């Protein structure tokens, strides 16, 4: 879509998410604004993944197994960010 393989988007997204996980794992803290930015990025990729699935199913008529696993990971990451940011989002 963007002129380069879309799987690179997934790799970059997972690398950024891994960096946030490593910060938490070593005992660091992420500010609320940065957590919300990570969640916004994850929500964008969830929407992009849904659109990409729609295009994959109806245009070429096939699904990539790598894309299926990446999208499952994106949905899990969205749930985790929502759980972490719930208090900041509700009030």
C-alpha atoms as a PDB file:
ATOM      1  CA  UNK A   1       0.000   0.000   0.000  1.00  0.00           C
ATOM      2  CA  UNK A   2       2.716   2.513   0.926  1.00  0.00           C
ATOM      3  CA  UNK A   3       5.263   1.451  -1.665  1.00  0.00           C
ATOM      4  CA  UNK A   4       7.110  -0.964   0.602  1.00  0.00           C
ATOM      5  CA  UNK A   5       6.126  -4.350   2.059  1.00  0.00           C
ATOM      6  CA  UNK A   6       3.351  -3.888   4.606  1.00  0.00           C
ATOM      7  CA  UNK A   7       4.944  -6.538   6.817  1.00  0.00           C
ATOM      8  CA  UNK A   8       7.605  -3.928   7.639  1.00  0.00           C
ATOM      9  CA  UNK A   9       4.891  -1.883   9.361  1.00  0.00           C
ATOM     10  CA  UNK A  10       4.125  -4.848  11.579  1.00  0.00           C
ATOM     11  CA  UNK A  11       7.794  -5.355  12.406  1.00  0.00           C
ATOM     12  CA  UNK A  12       8.228  -1.683  13.355  1.00  0.00           C
ATOM     13  CA  UNK A  13       5.050  -1.752  15.468  1.00  0.00           C
ATOM     14  CA  UNK A  14       6.167  -4.847  17.361  1.00  0.00           C
ATOM     15  CA  UNK A  15       9.659  -3.387  17.880  1.00  0.00           C
ATOM     16  CA  UNK A  16       8.180  -0.228  19.422  1.00  0.00           C
ATOM     17  CA  UNK A  17       5.849  -2.277  21.598  1.00  0.00           C
ATOM     18  CA  UNK A  18       8.750  -4.479  22.660  1.00  0.00           C
ATOM     19  CA  UNK A  19      10.696  -1.374  23.691  1.00  0.00           C
ATOM     20  CA  UNK A  20       7.797  -0.297  25.926  1.00  0.00           C
ATOM     21  CA  UNK A  21       7.643  -3.795  27.415  1.00  0.00           C
ATOM     22  CA  UNK A  22      11.366  -3.786  28.109  1.00  0.00           C
ATOM     23  CA  UNK A  23      11.074  -0.435  29.869  1.00  0.00           C
ATOM     24  CA  UNK A  24       8.462  -1.917  32.177  1.00  0.00           C
ATOM     25  CA  UNK A  25      10.396  -5.154  32.625  1.00  0.00           C
ATOM     26  CA  UNK A  26      13.536  -3.424  33.891  1.00  0.00           C
ATOM     27  CA  UNK A  27      11.502  -1.343  36.348  1.00  0.00           C
ATOM     28  CA  UNK A  28      11.152   1.897  34.417  1.00  0.00           C
ATOM     29  CA  UNK A  29       7.981   3.930  34.242  1.00  0.00           C
ATOM     30  CA  UNK A  30       6.258   5.289  31.169  1.00  0.00           C
ATOM     31  CA  UNK A  31       4.372   8.565  31.485  1.00  0.00           C
ATOM     32  CA  UNK A  32       0.629   8.574  30.954  1.00  0.00           C
ATOM     33  CA  UNK A  33       0.928  10.615  27.741  1.00  0.00           C
ATOM     34  CA  UNK A  34       3.402   8.148  26.247  1.00  0.00           C
ATOM     35  CA  UNK A  35       1.199   5.208  27.256  1.00  0.00           C
ATOM     36  CA  UNK A  36      -1.754   6.865  25.538  1.00  0.00           C
ATOM     37  CA  UNK A  37       0.398   7.502  22.460  1.00  0.00           C
ATOM     38  CA  UNK A  38       1.318   3.804  22.377  1.00  0.00           C
ATOM     39  CA  UNK A  39      -2.352   2.914  22.697  1.00  0.00           C
ATOM     40  CA  UNK A  40      -3.278   5.291  19.869  1.00  0.00           C
ATOM     41  CA  UNK A  41      -0.600   3.675  17.698  1.00  0.00           C
ATOM     42  CA  UNK A  42      -1.944   0.231  18.573  1.00  0.00           C
ATOM     43  CA  UNK A  43      -5.505   1.335  17.748  1.00  0.00           C
ATOM     44  CA  UNK A  44      -4.304   2.678  14.389  1.00  0.00           C
ATOM     45  CA  UNK A  45      -2.684  -0.670  13.597  1.00  0.00           C
ATOM     46  CA  UNK A  46      -5.836  -2.520  14.651  1.00  0.00           C
ATOM     47  CA  UNK A  47      -7.815  -0.423  12.183  1.00  0.00           C
ATOM     48  CA  UNK A  48      -5.167  -0.806   9.499  1.00  0.00           C
ATOM     49  CA  UNK A  49      -5.096  -4.567  10.075  1.00  0.00           C
ATOM     50  CA  UNK A  50      -8.868  -4.812   9.731  1.00  0.00           C
ATOM     51  CA  UNK A  51      -8.756  -2.839   6.495  1.00  0.00           C
ATOM     52  CA  UNK A  52      -5.867  -4.984   5.261  1.00  0.00           C
ATOM     53  CA  UNK A  53      -7.820  -8.173   6.011  1.00  0.00           C
ATOM     54  CA  UNK A  54     -10.784  -6.815   4.112  1.00  0.00           C
ATOM     55  CA  UNK A  55      -8.575  -6.077   1.121  1.00  0.00           C
ATOM     56  CA  UNK A  56      -6.817  -9.454   1.342  1.00  0.00           C
ATOM     57  CA  UNK A  57     -10.040 -11.437   1.469  1.00  0.00           C
ATOM     58  CA  UNK A  58     -11.929  -9.693  -1.315  1.00  0.00           C
ATOM     59  CA  UNK A  59      -9.264  -8.437  -3.739  1.00  0.00           C
ATOM     60  CA  UNK A  60      -6.696 -11.235  -4.173  1.00  0.00           C
ATOM     61  CA  UNK A  61      -8.892 -13.783  -2.378  1.00  0.00           C
ATOM     62  CA  UNK A  62      -6.245 -15.163  -0.042  1.00  0.00           C
ATOM     63  CA  UNK A  63      -4.898 -14.556   3.452  1.00  0.00           C
ATOM     64  CA  UNK A  64      -1.287 -14.517   4.580  1.00  0.00           C
ATOM     65  CA  UNK A  65      -0.596 -16.665   7.652  1.00  0.00           C
ATOM     66  CA  UNK A  66       1.996 -14.107   8.839  1.00  0.00           C
ATOM     67  CA  UNK A  67      -0.692 -11.423   8.682  1.00  0.00           C
ATOM     68  CA  UNK A  68      -3.099 -13.551  10.701  1.00  0.00           C
ATOM     69  CA  UNK A  69      -0.606 -13.996  13.528  1.00  0.00           C
ATOM     70  CA  UNK A  70       0.419 -10.345  13.429  1.00  0.00           C
ATOM     71  CA  UNK A  71      -3.192  -9.204  13.645  1.00  0.00           C
ATOM     72  CA  UNK A  72      -3.841 -11.554  16.563  1.00  0.00           C
ATOM     73  CA  UNK A  73      -0.832 -10.004  18.297  1.00  0.00           C
ATOM     74  CA  UNK A  74      -2.061  -6.500  17.546  1.00  0.00           C
ATOM     75  CA  UNK A  75      -5.434  -7.296  19.111  1.00  0.00           C
ATOM     76  CA  UNK A  76      -3.759  -8.709  22.227  1.00  0.00           C
ATOM     77  CA  UNK A  77      -1.547  -5.634  22.498  1.00  0.00           C
ATOM     78  CA  UNK A  78      -4.598  -3.365  22.153  1.00  0.00           C
ATOM     79  CA  UNK A  79      -6.270  -5.192  25.018  1.00  0.00           C
ATOM     80  CA  UNK A  80      -3.158  -4.873  27.168  1.00  0.00           C
ATOM     81  CA  UNK A  81      -2.786  -1.147  26.511  1.00  0.00           C
ATOM     82  CA  UNK A  82      -6.468  -0.606  27.246  1.00  0.00           C
ATOM     83  CA  UNK A  83      -6.085  -2.469  30.540  1.00  0.00           C
ATOM     84  CA  UNK A  84      -3.060  -0.366  31.491  1.00  0.00           C
ATOM     85  CA  UNK A  85      -4.659   2.935  30.456  1.00  0.00           C
ATOM     86  CA  UNK A  86      -8.182   2.289  31.748  1.00  0.00           C
ATOM     87  CA  UNK A  87      -7.896   4.680  34.709  1.00  0.00           C
ATOM     88  CA  UNK A  88      -6.437   7.449  32.540  1.00  0.00           C
ATOM     89  CA  UNK A  89      -9.175   7.045  29.940  1.00  0.00           C
ATOM     90  CA  UNK A  90     -12.135   6.983  32.336  1.00  0.00           C
ATOM     91  CA  UNK A  91     -11.332   9.908  34.494  1.00  0.00           C
END
